[in-house]
Amino acid sequence: MQANFKFSETLKGLPLLFQIFGLACSLMFVIAAYSLFANLFREARIFFYIGLTGILVLSLVILGTSNRDLKETGVSQLFSLILCFLFLPIFLAFPTWVIFPSINWVDAYLDMVGAFTTTGFPVFEKEILSKPIHLWRALVAWFGGGLIWIAAFVILLPVNLGGLEIFSNSKNSPNSNRKLTLNERSTTLVRVSQKLIPIYFGLTVVLWGCLTSFGTDSYTSLIRALSIVSTSGISGPEKFELDGAGFLGELVILLFLLVALSNNLIKIFHNQMNLREFLSDTEIRLGLSITIGATIILTLKQVSLGDLYTGLSWPFGSVLELIWGNFFTVFSFITTNGYFSSFWDVSISSADLSYATIILVGLCLFGGGVATTAGGIKLLRISILFTAFSNETGKLLHPSSVEVKSNRIKNVEISVFMAWIFFMLFMVSLATLTIFLAIFELRFEEALVFAVACLTTTGPIIEIVELENFSISDLSIFSKMALIIGMVLGRLEILVVLSLMTFGLNRA
């Protein structure tokens, strides 16, 4: 009894990297069980043995650290988080690499980085992968989305990063150097996880049930539910628009994607906020306003290029399908999920695709809400910058201080400063990655879309780019490494990496 107690305490006191590694190992047993149930014994054995090997390695780490009183700072936690997104996919890629020996290991690694960062990068053709691997990619993305959601409150909030810096009173990170024992950090992690995991898991299960009830098979519904809640855009063996759940299914998906616009959903589940207050949130209103505006622009452009331009009338049903296809697709891309509506074919048939592409790329740049699974610049930063711009330009007639109408913002001047810093860093990163990719084998337009896909974690957007005579797997090793770095930067945001670099220079 005493030994079991000590073992559990030791496990609780492991560094963050190894705790996440242990959870990743347990996920492999889930896929092994599914493979066994589906009579795919080879896949079941591979997932089971790799997961078991990971557990054995973790046990050795536990034994090696059992008598040490380790401490962590905010900086070390950030460093551990970066290591998770860079090196954990190496382990996660082993099942794909072992099951399909013909697949290049770097491609398998790139695919897992795309999944773990919730980018959903389509590295392989869907027909190549087996059902367990499709489910594995969605599960890894779901795990990565949950991790970044929890990390936002446990790791990024104490050091004023991850979009949460705009809520701070200071430009500095006062808690970044405060040392915490691993048990103290684990206690905070457990407390936050107890609030967030039931919500995250519950939303997934409910969405799975809804999609299944609308006619989608349970396997595909599960992949879709895992991907939507994590905003990874992974669709499984078939593209979403080819095997969607129809209008009702897409309507339900759209409602669930509201989670990616604001983290205030947590307050609703804990009776700290009602639905009316949630819908009046700045990020919700701005996201819906952008969605409606983009839908109107797309629809008007498509109508001007369609049959109405020649004086003919469209069937009323087709017009509604056109509007809904635009609305759903626009909302999916602003939340960085990247699903195309099953009615988007109407849009394609009547639209200038290059025009629609520009709009979708711009929507990805806007992104979702702070402290959510969505990527991009984030809507609250956009709102702060726009409000500051409006107030500054209005000073000639009505001199006044910069004021943001949000009770979430404590210091407006600092919030504007941090939002502007992030915006500039994001644009510099976008330009740098685009130029780097264009130097090698991609055209500028392709390089730009790839860079946006990585930095906004909206991988499915590259499907609108027609690569000439080669696929993603044909890219050079340098381009693949650049994509990997871009996805990690897009997931953790450049401010996190810059903070670590600044801390290192200060120490030096």
Protein backbone atom coordinates (compact mmCIF):
# COMPACT_ATOMS: atom_id res chain seq x y z
CA MET A 1 0.00 0.00 0.00
CA GLN A 2 2.85 2.33 0.90
CA ALA A 3 4.69 1.48 -2.32
CA ASN A 4 1.65 2.27 -4.44
CA PHE A 5 1.31 5.61 -2.72
CA LYS A 6 4.94 6.51 -3.39
CA PHE A 7 4.61 5.45 -7.03
CA SER A 8 1.58 7.66 -7.59
CA GLU A 9 3.31 10.60 -5.93
CA THR A 10 6.37 10.05 -8.11
CA LEU A 11 4.22 9.92 -11.24
CA LYS A 12 2.54 13.16 -10.21
CA GLY A 13 5.92 14.79 -9.77
CA LEU A 14 7.23 13.95 -13.24
CA PRO A 15 8.27 16.79 -15.57
CA LEU A 16 5.55 18.00 -17.89
CA LEU A 17 7.16 16.46 -20.97
CA PHE A 18 7.04 12.95 -19.51
CA GLN A 19 3.51 13.33 -18.19
CA ILE A 20 2.31 14.19 -21.70
CA PHE A 21 4.40 11.33 -23.08
CA GLY A 22 2.63 8.92 -20.73
CA LEU A 23 -0.78 10.13 -21.92
CA ALA A 24 0.31 9.71 -25.55
CA CYS A 25 1.31 6.11 -24.81
CA SER A 26 -2.12 5.39 -23.35
CA LEU A 27 -3.78 6.69 -26.53
CA MET A 28 -2.02 3.97 -28.52
CA PHE A 29 -3.83 1.33 -26.50
CA VAL A 30 -7.13 2.95 -27.57
CA ILE A 31 -6.23 2.49 -31.26
CA ALA A 32 -4.97 -1.02 -30.51
CA ALA A 33 -8.35 -1.88 -29.00
CA TYR A 34 -10.19 -0.44 -32.02
CA SER A 35 -7.95 -2.38 -34.42
CA LEU A 36 -8.56 -5.57 -32.49
CA PHE A 37 -12.30 -4.95 -32.61
CA ALA A 38 -12.08 -4.35 -36.39
CA ASN A 39 -10.08 -7.60 -36.86
CA LEU A 40 -7.00 -5.66 -37.96
CA PHE A 41 -4.59 -7.72 -35.89
CA ARG A 42 -1.36 -6.41 -37.41
CA GLU A 43 -2.24 -2.80 -36.62
CA ALA A 44 -3.43 -3.86 -33.16
CA ARG A 45 -0.10 -5.53 -32.38
CA ILE A 46 1.96 -2.59 -33.64
CA PHE A 47 0.05 0.02 -31.63
CA PHE A 48 0.08 -2.19 -28.53
CA TYR A 49 3.82 -2.93 -28.66
CA ILE A 50 4.82 0.69 -29.37
CA GLY A 51 2.58 1.92 -26.55
CA LEU A 52 3.97 -0.73 -24.21
CA THR A 53 7.53 0.25 -25.12
CA GLY A 54 6.70 3.85 -24.30
CA ILE A 55 5.29 2.83 -20.91
CA LEU A 56 8.47 0.88 -20.13
CA VAL A 57 10.62 3.90 -21.00
CA LEU A 58 8.42 6.07 -18.79
CA SER A 59 8.83 3.59 -15.93
CA LEU A 60 12.61 3.90 -16.18
CA VAL A 61 12.27 7.68 -16.02
CA ILE A 62 10.10 7.36 -12.92
CA LEU A 63 12.70 5.16 -11.24
CA GLY A 64 15.47 7.58 -12.18
CA THR A 65 13.70 10.64 -10.74
CA SER A 66 12.05 9.02 -7.71
CA ASN A 67 14.53 10.45 -5.18
CA ARG A 68 14.88 13.93 -6.68
CA ASP A 69 13.07 17.08 -5.65
CA LEU A 70 12.76 18.78 -9.04
CA LYS A 71 11.50 22.32 -9.53
CA GLU A 72 10.09 24.15 -12.55
CA THR A 73 9.79 27.80 -13.51
CA GLY A 74 7.45 29.38 -16.00
CA VAL A 75 10.30 29.44 -18.51
CA SER A 76 11.07 25.75 -18.05
CA GLN A 77 7.39 24.92 -18.51
CA LEU A 78 7.34 26.87 -21.77
CA PHE A 79 10.45 25.02 -22.88
CA SER A 80 8.83 21.69 -22.02
CA LEU A 81 5.76 22.66 -24.04
CA ILE A 82 7.89 23.45 -27.10
CA LEU A 83 9.74 20.15 -26.71
CA CYS A 84 6.39 18.35 -26.62
CA PHE A 85 5.31 19.74 -29.98
CA LEU A 86 8.72 19.23 -31.58
CA PHE A 87 9.83 15.82 -30.29
CA LEU A 88 6.72 13.96 -29.14
CA PRO A 89 5.52 13.60 -32.78
CA ILE A 90 8.67 11.54 -33.38
CA PHE A 91 7.24 8.89 -31.09
CA LEU A 92 3.71 9.40 -32.40
CA ALA A 93 4.90 8.82 -35.99
CA PHE A 94 6.23 5.31 -35.32
CA PRO A 95 2.91 3.47 -35.90
CA THR A 96 2.45 5.03 -39.35
CA TRP A 97 6.05 4.36 -40.29
CA VAL A 98 5.99 0.73 -39.12
CA ILE A 99 2.59 -0.11 -40.65
CA PHE A 100 3.53 1.44 -44.00
CA PRO A 101 7.27 0.77 -44.60
CA SER A 102 7.11 2.52 -47.98
CA ILE A 103 6.36 5.84 -46.28
CA ASN A 104 9.34 8.10 -45.69
CA TRP A 105 9.98 8.64 -41.98
CA VAL A 106 10.24 12.42 -42.40
CA ASP A 107 6.80 12.39 -44.05
CA ALA A 108 5.38 10.41 -41.13
CA TYR A 109 6.95 12.91 -38.73
CA LEU A 110 5.55 15.85 -40.73
CA ASP A 111 2.12 14.24 -40.68
CA MET A 112 2.18 13.80 -36.90
CA VAL A 113 3.37 17.35 -36.29
CA GLY A 114 0.46 18.49 -38.42
CA ALA A 115 -1.95 16.41 -36.37
CA PHE A 116 -0.52 17.26 -32.94
CA THR A 117 -0.52 21.00 -33.65
CA THR A 118 -4.15 20.67 -34.90
CA THR A 119 -3.03 21.86 -38.35
CA GLY A 120 -4.34 18.73 -40.07
CA PHE A 121 -1.75 18.88 -42.81
CA PRO A 122 -2.79 16.42 -45.60
CA VAL A 123 0.62 14.84 -46.23
CA PHE A 124 -0.65 11.53 -47.68
CA GLU A 125 -3.40 10.58 -50.07
CA LYS A 126 -6.43 9.41 -48.09
CA GLU A 127 -6.58 6.09 -49.93
CA ILE A 128 -3.09 5.09 -48.76
CA LEU A 129 -3.84 5.10 -45.02
CA SER A 130 -5.80 2.42 -43.14
CA LYS A 131 -8.74 3.10 -40.83
CA PRO A 132 -6.67 2.83 -37.60
CA ILE A 133 -4.21 5.42 -38.93
CA HIS A 134 -7.02 7.81 -39.91
CA LEU A 135 -8.46 7.46 -36.41
CA TRP A 136 -4.98 7.81 -34.91
CA ARG A 137 -4.41 11.14 -36.71
CA ALA A 138 -7.75 12.49 -35.46
CA LEU A 139 -7.08 11.27 -31.91
CA VAL A 140 -3.61 12.85 -31.85
CA ALA A 141 -5.11 16.13 -33.06
CA TRP A 142 -7.79 15.90 -30.38
CA PHE A 143 -5.10 15.27 -27.78
CA GLY A 144 -3.03 18.22 -29.03
CA GLY A 145 -6.06 20.51 -28.99
CA GLY A 146 -6.89 19.55 -25.42
CA LEU A 147 -3.26 20.01 -24.42
CA ILE A 148 -3.01 23.55 -25.80
CA TRP A 149 -6.37 24.44 -24.23
CA ILE A 150 -5.20 23.34 -20.78
CA ALA A 151 -1.71 24.77 -21.28
CA ALA A 152 -3.24 28.18 -22.03
CA PHE A 153 -4.48 28.42 -18.44
CA VAL A 154 -1.78 26.40 -16.65
CA ILE A 155 1.41 27.54 -18.44
CA LEU A 156 0.73 30.52 -20.73
CA LEU A 157 -1.58 32.54 -18.45
CA PRO A 158 0.90 32.80 -15.52
CA VAL A 159 3.56 34.20 -17.87
CA ASN A 160 1.18 36.44 -19.85
CA LEU A 161 1.48 34.69 -23.23
CA GLY A 162 -0.69 32.88 -25.76
CA GLY A 163 -3.01 35.81 -26.36
CA LEU A 164 -3.60 36.16 -22.64
CA GLU A 165 -0.89 38.84 -22.43
CA ILE A 166 -3.48 41.46 -23.42
CA PHE A 167 -5.31 40.86 -20.12
CA SER A 168 -2.21 41.69 -18.09
CA ASN A 169 -1.34 44.89 -16.25
CA SER A 170 2.32 44.61 -17.17
CA LYS A 171 4.49 44.11 -20.22
CA ASN A 172 6.68 41.77 -18.19
CA SER A 173 6.12 38.23 -17.04
CA PRO A 174 6.52 38.45 -13.27
CA ASN A 175 5.87 34.81 -12.59
CA SER A 176 8.23 33.41 -15.21
CA ASN A 177 11.13 32.91 -12.80
CA ARG A 178 9.21 31.79 -9.74
CA LYS A 179 10.20 28.21 -8.95
CA LEU A 180 7.48 25.68 -8.32
CA THR A 181 7.89 22.09 -7.26
CA LEU A 182 6.54 19.57 -9.74
CA ASN A 183 3.89 18.61 -7.22
CA GLU A 184 2.73 22.23 -6.98
CA ARG A 185 2.56 22.52 -10.76
CA SER A 186 0.81 19.16 -11.01
CA THR A 187 -1.76 20.29 -8.46
CA THR A 188 -2.58 23.31 -10.63
CA LEU A 189 -2.66 21.10 -13.71
CA VAL A 190 -5.08 18.67 -12.09
CA ARG A 191 -7.35 21.48 -10.87
CA VAL A 192 -7.61 23.07 -14.32
CA SER A 193 -7.95 19.71 -16.06
CA GLN A 194 -10.86 18.77 -13.82
CA LYS A 195 -12.70 21.83 -15.14
CA LEU A 196 -11.74 21.61 -18.82
CA ILE A 197 -11.47 17.91 -19.68
CA PRO A 198 -15.12 17.05 -18.88
CA ILE A 199 -16.23 19.92 -21.14
CA TYR A 200 -13.82 18.95 -23.92
CA PHE A 201 -14.70 15.26 -23.72
CA GLY A 202 -18.42 15.93 -23.33
CA LEU A 203 -18.57 18.17 -26.41
CA THR A 204 -16.82 15.45 -28.42
CA VAL A 205 -19.22 12.72 -27.33
CA VAL A 206 -22.33 14.84 -27.91
CA LEU A 207 -21.15 15.87 -31.38
CA TRP A 208 -20.32 12.25 -32.21
CA GLY A 209 -23.83 11.23 -31.24
CA CYS A 210 -25.42 14.06 -33.23
CA LEU A 211 -23.50 13.29 -36.43
CA THR A 212 -24.26 9.58 -36.12
CA SER A 213 -27.96 10.29 -35.69
CA PHE A 214 -27.90 12.37 -38.90
CA GLY A 215 -26.81 9.40 -40.99
CA THR A 216 -23.01 9.46 -40.90
CA ASP A 217 -21.49 6.12 -39.91
CA SER A 218 -20.10 5.93 -36.36
CA TYR A 219 -16.45 5.63 -37.45
CA THR A 220 -16.54 8.72 -39.66
CA SER A 221 -18.63 10.60 -37.09
CA LEU A 222 -16.02 9.91 -34.42
CA ILE A 223 -13.20 11.26 -36.61
CA ARG A 224 -15.26 14.33 -37.45
CA ALA A 225 -16.14 14.96 -33.80
CA LEU A 226 -12.51 14.66 -32.70
CA SER A 227 -11.42 17.00 -35.48
CA ILE A 228 -14.13 19.63 -35.04
CA VAL A 229 -13.67 20.05 -31.30
CA SER A 230 -9.90 20.36 -31.82
CA THR A 231 -10.34 22.45 -35.04
CA SER A 232 -7.83 20.24 -36.87
CA GLY A 233 -9.90 19.78 -40.04
CA ILE A 234 -9.03 16.08 -40.34
CA SER A 235 -11.87 14.38 -42.20
CA GLY A 236 -10.91 10.71 -42.34
CA PRO A 237 -10.94 8.42 -45.40
CA GLU A 238 -13.21 10.76 -47.38
CA LYS A 239 -13.33 14.51 -47.76
CA PHE A 240 -15.94 16.17 -45.60
CA GLU A 241 -17.75 17.78 -48.53
CA LEU A 242 -18.11 14.37 -50.21
CA ASP A 243 -19.58 12.57 -47.22
CA GLY A 244 -21.11 15.28 -45.07
CA ALA A 245 -24.08 14.93 -42.76
CA GLY A 246 -26.22 17.30 -44.84
CA PHE A 247 -27.64 20.62 -43.75
CA LEU A 248 -28.61 19.53 -40.22
CA GLY A 249 -25.21 17.99 -39.62
CA GLU A 250 -23.41 21.10 -40.81
CA LEU A 251 -25.68 23.28 -38.67
CA VAL A 252 -24.76 21.29 -35.57
CA ILE A 253 -21.07 21.44 -36.51
CA LEU A 254 -21.32 25.21 -36.89
CA LEU A 255 -22.80 25.52 -33.40
CA PHE A 256 -19.97 23.46 -31.93
CA LEU A 257 -17.39 25.58 -33.75
CA LEU A 258 -18.55 28.53 -31.63
CA VAL A 259 -16.24 27.07 -28.98
CA ALA A 260 -13.32 28.15 -31.17
CA LEU A 261 -14.44 31.79 -31.06
CA SER A 262 -14.44 32.31 -27.30
CA ASN A 263 -13.17 30.47 -24.23
CA ASN A 264 -16.11 31.85 -22.25
CA LEU A 265 -17.88 28.56 -22.90
CA ILE A 266 -16.14 27.37 -19.75
CA LYS A 267 -18.07 29.94 -17.74
CA ILE A 268 -21.37 28.73 -19.23
CA PHE A 269 -20.75 25.17 -18.11
CA HIS A 270 -19.85 26.38 -14.62
CA ASN A 271 -22.93 28.67 -14.42
CA GLN A 272 -20.76 31.80 -14.39
CA MET A 273 -22.26 33.16 -17.62
CA ASN A 274 -25.55 32.76 -19.47
CA LEU A 275 -25.99 32.18 -23.20
CA ARG A 276 -26.96 35.80 -23.86
CA GLU A 277 -23.75 37.08 -22.28
CA PHE A 278 -21.76 34.50 -24.23
CA LEU A 279 -23.23 35.62 -27.56
CA SER A 280 -22.53 39.27 -26.68
CA ASP A 281 -18.81 38.54 -26.19
CA THR A 282 -16.49 40.68 -28.31
CA GLU A 283 -14.90 37.70 -30.07
CA ILE A 284 -18.26 36.05 -30.81
CA ARG A 285 -19.75 39.23 -32.26
CA LEU A 286 -16.66 40.03 -34.31
CA GLY A 287 -16.38 36.46 -35.62
CA LEU A 288 -20.03 36.35 -36.66
CA SER A 289 -19.81 39.83 -38.21
CA ILE A 290 -16.80 38.84 -40.32
CA THR A 291 -18.54 35.61 -41.32
CA ILE A 292 -21.69 37.42 -42.45
CA GLY A 293 -19.70 40.06 -44.30
CA ALA A 294 -17.52 37.53 -46.13
CA THR A 295 -20.61 35.46 -47.01
CA ILE A 296 -22.30 38.50 -48.54
CA ILE A 297 -19.20 39.40 -50.56
CA LEU A 298 -18.76 35.85 -51.84
CA THR A 299 -22.43 35.50 -52.74
CA LEU A 300 -22.61 38.80 -54.60
CA LYS A 301 -19.44 38.01 -56.51
CA GLN A 302 -20.71 34.55 -57.43
CA VAL A 303 -24.07 35.86 -58.52
CA SER A 304 -22.38 38.45 -60.74
CA LEU A 305 -20.46 35.62 -62.43
CA GLY A 306 -23.43 33.26 -62.66
CA ASP A 307 -26.66 32.91 -64.57
CA LEU A 308 -28.19 35.99 -63.01
CA TYR A 309 -25.62 38.05 -64.85
CA THR A 310 -27.12 36.93 -68.16
CA GLY A 311 -30.64 37.74 -67.03
CA LEU A 312 -31.70 34.19 -66.17
CA SER A 313 -33.20 33.27 -62.81
CA TRP A 314 -31.80 30.63 -60.46
CA PRO A 315 -34.01 28.13 -58.63
CA PHE A 316 -34.72 29.41 -55.13
CA GLY A 317 -33.23 26.25 -53.61
CA SER A 318 -29.95 26.74 -55.43
CA VAL A 319 -29.62 30.27 -54.09
CA LEU A 320 -30.13 29.04 -50.53
CA GLU A 321 -27.58 26.28 -51.07
CA LEU A 322 -25.15 28.88 -52.41
CA ILE A 323 -25.59 31.10 -49.35
CA TRP A 324 -25.35 28.25 -46.87
CA GLY A 325 -22.29 26.76 -48.61
CA ASN A 326 -20.57 30.11 -48.35
CA PHE A 327 -21.62 30.76 -44.75
CA PHE A 328 -20.54 27.36 -43.41
CA THR A 329 -17.22 27.35 -45.28
CA VAL A 330 -16.41 30.90 -44.19
CA PHE A 331 -17.18 30.12 -40.56
CA SER A 332 -15.18 26.90 -40.74
CA PHE A 333 -12.12 28.75 -42.01
CA ILE A 334 -12.28 31.65 -39.57
CA THR A 335 -12.24 29.08 -36.76
CA THR A 336 -9.25 27.48 -38.57
CA ASN A 337 -11.04 24.14 -38.90
CA GLY A 338 -11.00 24.21 -42.69
CA TYR A 339 -14.01 22.09 -43.64
CA PHE A 340 -15.66 22.84 -46.97
CA SER A 341 -19.44 22.64 -46.95
CA SER A 342 -21.11 19.86 -48.93
CA PHE A 343 -22.88 22.73 -50.73
CA TRP A 344 -19.58 24.43 -51.55
CA ASP A 345 -19.61 22.75 -54.99
CA VAL A 346 -22.35 25.23 -55.87
CA SER A 347 -19.97 28.01 -54.93
CA ILE A 348 -17.14 26.52 -56.95
CA SER A 349 -19.32 26.11 -60.03
CA SER A 350 -20.35 29.75 -59.98
CA ALA A 351 -17.36 31.51 -58.49
CA ASP A 352 -13.99 32.78 -59.51
CA LEU A 353 -11.94 30.35 -57.43
CA SER A 354 -8.98 32.69 -57.08
CA TYR A 355 -11.28 35.32 -55.59
CA ALA A 356 -12.69 32.82 -53.10
CA THR A 357 -9.18 31.64 -52.25
CA ILE A 358 -8.07 35.15 -51.26
CA ILE A 359 -11.06 35.48 -48.93
CA LEU A 360 -10.46 32.10 -47.29
CA VAL A 361 -6.78 32.83 -46.75
CA GLY A 362 -7.70 36.15 -45.15
CA LEU A 363 -10.19 34.44 -42.85
CA CYS A 364 -7.54 32.03 -41.64
CA LEU A 365 -5.32 34.96 -40.74
CA PHE A 366 -8.08 36.43 -38.55
CA GLY A 367 -8.38 33.15 -36.63
CA GLY A 368 -10.54 32.32 -33.63
CA GLY A 369 -10.52 33.32 -29.97
CA VAL A 370 -7.66 33.47 -27.48
CA ALA A 371 -7.11 30.44 -25.24
CA THR A 372 -8.99 28.20 -27.69
CA THR A 373 -7.91 25.45 -30.07
CA ALA A 374 -8.15 27.84 -33.03
CA GLY A 375 -5.07 29.46 -34.57
CA GLY A 376 -4.44 32.72 -36.42
CA ILE A 377 -3.86 36.23 -35.12
CA LYS A 378 -6.95 35.89 -32.88
CA LEU A 379 -10.12 37.96 -32.95
CA LEU A 380 -9.56 39.80 -29.69
CA ARG A 381 -6.22 41.14 -30.91
CA ILE A 382 -7.91 42.25 -34.15
CA SER A 383 -10.65 43.96 -32.15
CA ILE A 384 -8.13 45.79 -29.95
CA LEU A 385 -6.08 46.98 -32.91
CA PHE A 386 -9.15 48.14 -34.82
CA THR A 387 -10.53 49.99 -31.79
CA ALA A 388 -7.17 51.64 -31.16
CA PHE A 389 -6.96 52.65 -34.82
CA SER A 390 -10.46 54.12 -34.74
CA ASN A 391 -9.78 56.09 -31.58
CA GLU A 392 -6.43 57.36 -32.80
CA THR A 393 -7.87 58.57 -36.10
CA GLY A 394 -10.75 60.21 -34.21
CA LYS A 395 -8.47 62.26 -31.96
CA LEU A 396 -8.34 65.12 -34.49
CA LEU A 397 -12.03 65.84 -33.86
CA HIS A 398 -12.58 64.29 -30.44
CA PRO A 399 -9.34 63.93 -28.45
CA SER A 400 -9.65 61.05 -26.03
CA SER A 401 -7.71 58.16 -24.62
CA VAL A 402 -7.71 54.71 -26.21
CA GLU A 403 -10.54 52.72 -24.71
CA VAL A 404 -11.65 49.16 -25.44
CA LYS A 405 -15.19 48.30 -24.44
CA SER A 406 -14.46 45.03 -22.73
CA ASN A 407 -14.43 44.25 -19.05
CA ARG A 408 -11.83 41.57 -19.78
CA ILE A 409 -9.15 44.20 -20.54
CA LYS A 410 -7.40 45.71 -17.52
CA ASN A 411 -4.83 48.01 -19.14
CA VAL A 412 -5.80 49.22 -22.61
CA GLU A 413 -2.46 50.80 -23.53
CA ILE A 414 -0.51 47.67 -22.70
CA SER A 415 -3.10 45.51 -24.49
CA VAL A 416 -2.73 47.57 -27.67
CA PHE A 417 1.04 47.42 -27.37
CA MET A 418 1.11 43.62 -26.99
CA ALA A 419 -1.44 43.10 -29.77
CA TRP A 420 0.63 45.27 -32.13
CA ILE A 421 3.85 43.46 -31.23
CA PHE A 422 2.26 40.09 -31.95
CA PHE A 423 0.76 41.30 -35.23
CA MET A 424 4.14 42.51 -36.47
CA LEU A 425 5.90 39.32 -35.40
CA PHE A 426 3.21 37.22 -37.09
CA MET A 427 3.56 39.12 -40.37
CA VAL A 428 7.36 38.89 -40.26
CA SER A 429 7.11 35.14 -39.65
CA LEU A 430 4.61 34.79 -42.51
CA ALA A 431 6.85 36.70 -44.91
CA THR A 432 9.96 34.78 -43.84
CA LEU A 433 8.34 31.37 -44.23
CA THR A 434 6.79 32.32 -47.57
CA ILE A 435 10.10 33.53 -48.99
CA PHE A 436 11.93 30.45 -47.71
CA LEU A 437 9.44 28.08 -49.34
CA ALA A 438 9.45 30.10 -52.56
CA ILE A 439 13.24 29.93 -52.78
CA PHE A 440 13.11 26.16 -53.17
CA GLU A 441 10.45 24.44 -55.29
CA LEU A 442 7.14 26.27 -54.68
CA ARG A 443 5.66 29.14 -56.64
CA PHE A 444 4.99 32.30 -54.64
CA GLU A 445 1.22 31.74 -54.48
CA GLU A 446 1.71 28.16 -53.31
CA ALA A 447 4.35 29.20 -50.78
CA LEU A 448 2.03 31.87 -49.36
CA VAL A 449 -0.86 29.41 -48.92
CA PHE A 450 1.45 26.85 -47.29
CA ALA A 451 2.83 29.48 -44.91
CA VAL A 452 -0.68 30.63 -43.96
CA ALA A 453 -1.73 27.01 -43.43
CA CYS A 454 1.14 26.42 -41.00
CA LEU A 455 1.07 29.66 -39.02
CA THR A 456 -2.73 29.65 -38.67
CA THR A 457 -2.98 25.84 -38.09
CA THR A 458 -5.42 25.55 -41.03
CA GLY A 459 -3.90 22.69 -42.99
CA PRO A 460 -6.91 21.88 -45.22
CA ILE A 461 -6.54 25.22 -47.00
CA ILE A 462 -3.68 23.83 -49.09
CA GLU A 463 -6.25 21.65 -50.87
CA ILE A 464 -7.21 24.73 -52.89
CA VAL A 465 -3.67 24.87 -54.27
CA GLU A 466 -2.99 22.68 -57.30
CA LEU A 467 0.59 21.51 -56.99
CA GLU A 468 2.23 20.99 -60.37
CA ASN A 469 3.56 17.47 -60.92
CA PHE A 470 4.36 16.76 -57.26
CA SER A 471 2.77 16.25 -53.86
CA ILE A 472 3.72 17.37 -50.36
CA SER A 473 5.80 14.22 -49.87
CA ASP A 474 7.92 15.29 -52.87
CA LEU A 475 9.02 18.50 -51.17
CA SER A 476 12.66 18.80 -50.15
CA ILE A 477 13.80 18.06 -46.62
CA PHE A 478 14.44 21.78 -46.09
CA SER A 479 10.88 22.70 -47.05
CA LYS A 480 9.47 19.97 -44.80
CA MET A 481 11.53 21.19 -41.84
CA ALA A 482 10.36 24.73 -42.53
CA LEU A 483 6.76 23.54 -42.52
CA ILE A 484 7.32 21.74 -39.21
CA ILE A 485 8.82 24.83 -37.58
CA GLY A 486 6.00 26.94 -39.00
CA MET A 487 3.32 24.66 -37.56
CA VAL A 488 4.93 24.66 -34.11
CA LEU A 489 5.24 28.46 -34.22
CA GLY A 490 1.63 28.72 -35.35
CA ARG A 491 0.43 26.50 -32.55
CA LEU A 492 2.46 28.02 -29.69
CA GLU A 493 2.69 31.51 -31.24
CA ILE A 494 5.92 33.36 -31.93
CA LEU A 495 5.75 35.30 -28.64
CA VAL A 496 6.33 32.08 -26.69
CA VAL A 497 9.49 31.23 -28.62
CA LEU A 498 10.67 34.84 -28.53
CA SER A 499 10.20 34.96 -24.76
CA LEU A 500 12.43 31.91 -24.35
CA MET A 501 15.07 33.42 -26.64
CA THR A 502 14.95 36.70 -24.70
CA PHE A 503 15.29 34.85 -21.41
CA GLY A 504 18.28 32.94 -22.75
CA LEU A 505 19.99 36.12 -23.92
CA ASN A 506 19.37 37.78 -20.57
CA ARG A 507 20.88 34.79 -18.75
CA ALA A 508 23.89 34.89 -21.08
